[in-house]
Amino acid sequence: MRKPKKHIDFFSHDTNSSDDDDMAYLQCEHGLNGYAIWFKLLERVYGNSYYLNWIDRNEKVVANSYGLSFEAY
């Protein structure tokens, strides 16, 4: 029996993702950085067994890894 994968190699990204009301609101509030961060977080979740251990310090670590200031958001 094959071992289950602990991550996936890709995930579906709908061609009309930015038309979703919630995504449109995210972009209104944070511009394209909000859109990019959303999909970067999905990459982390799907690449880590569909789980992201989110603790307070991760906010700054994730923002810094994308070259952003946490305080800006």
Protein backbone atom coordinates (compact mmCIF):
# COMPACT_ATOMS: atom_id res chain seq x y z
CA MET A 1 0.00 0.00 0.00
CA ARG A 2 1.24 3.46 -0.90
CA LYS A 3 1.98 5.93 1.90
CA PRO A 4 -0.27 8.99 1.83
CA LYS A 5 1.40 12.20 0.69
CA LYS A 6 2.10 14.78 3.35
CA HIS A 7 1.67 17.59 0.85
CA ILE A 8 0.37 18.23 -2.61
CA ASP A 9 2.44 19.38 -5.56
CA PHE A 10 -0.18 21.80 -6.84
CA PHE A 11 -3.62 23.15 -6.03
CA SER A 12 -6.38 24.54 -8.19
CA HIS A 13 -6.41 28.29 -8.69
CA ASP A 14 -9.61 29.34 -10.41
CA THR A 15 -9.18 31.74 -13.30
CA ASN A 16 -11.85 33.96 -11.80
CA SER A 17 -10.62 33.98 -8.19
CA SER A 18 -10.40 37.76 -8.15
CA ASP A 19 -14.12 38.01 -9.04
CA ASP A 20 -15.13 36.47 -5.70
CA ASP A 21 -16.71 39.05 -3.34
CA ASP A 22 -14.40 38.18 -0.45
CA MET A 23 -11.31 38.36 -2.68
CA ALA A 24 -12.51 41.66 -4.15
CA TYR A 25 -12.88 43.04 -0.61
CA LEU A 26 -9.41 41.77 0.32
CA GLN A 27 -7.98 43.56 -2.70
CA CYS A 28 -9.87 46.77 -1.84
CA GLU A 29 -8.40 46.72 1.65
CA HIS A 30 -4.84 45.60 0.84
CA GLY A 31 -4.36 45.84 -2.91
CA LEU A 32 -2.47 43.17 -4.79
CA ASN A 33 -0.39 42.44 -1.69
CA GLY A 34 -3.54 41.06 -0.04
CA TYR A 35 -4.23 38.87 -3.07
CA ALA A 36 -0.64 37.63 -3.16
CA ILE A 37 -0.49 36.92 0.57
CA TRP A 38 -3.73 34.91 0.38
CA PHE A 39 -2.31 32.59 -2.26
CA LYS A 40 1.11 32.42 -0.56
CA LEU A 41 -0.64 31.25 2.62
CA LEU A 42 -2.58 28.64 0.63
CA GLU A 43 0.75 27.39 -0.75
CA ARG A 44 2.04 26.97 2.81
CA VAL A 45 -1.11 25.19 3.96
CA TYR A 46 -1.26 22.79 1.02
CA GLY A 47 2.48 22.18 1.14
CA ASN A 48 2.34 21.25 4.82
CA SER A 49 -0.26 18.47 5.06
CA TYR A 50 -3.15 20.93 4.75
CA TYR A 51 -2.23 22.54 8.05
CA LEU A 52 -0.54 25.74 9.18
CA ASN A 53 0.31 26.05 12.85
CA TRP A 54 -0.49 29.72 13.35
CA ILE A 55 0.92 31.31 16.47
CA ASP A 56 1.20 35.02 17.18
CA ARG A 57 4.80 35.35 16.07
CA ASN A 58 4.01 33.80 12.68
CA GLU A 59 2.28 37.01 11.59
CA LYS A 60 5.57 38.92 11.62
CA VAL A 61 7.63 36.00 10.30
CA VAL A 62 5.31 35.46 7.34
CA ALA A 63 5.07 39.17 6.57
CA ASN A 64 8.86 39.48 6.71
CA SER A 65 9.36 36.45 4.45
CA TYR A 66 7.30 38.25 1.80
CA GLY A 67 9.17 41.53 2.27
CA LEU A 68 6.25 43.23 4.00
CA SER A 69 5.80 45.04 7.27
CA PHE A 70 3.28 43.38 9.59
CA GLU A 71 2.25 46.79 10.92
CA ALA A 72 1.05 47.74 7.42
CA TYR A 73 -1.71 45.15 7.72
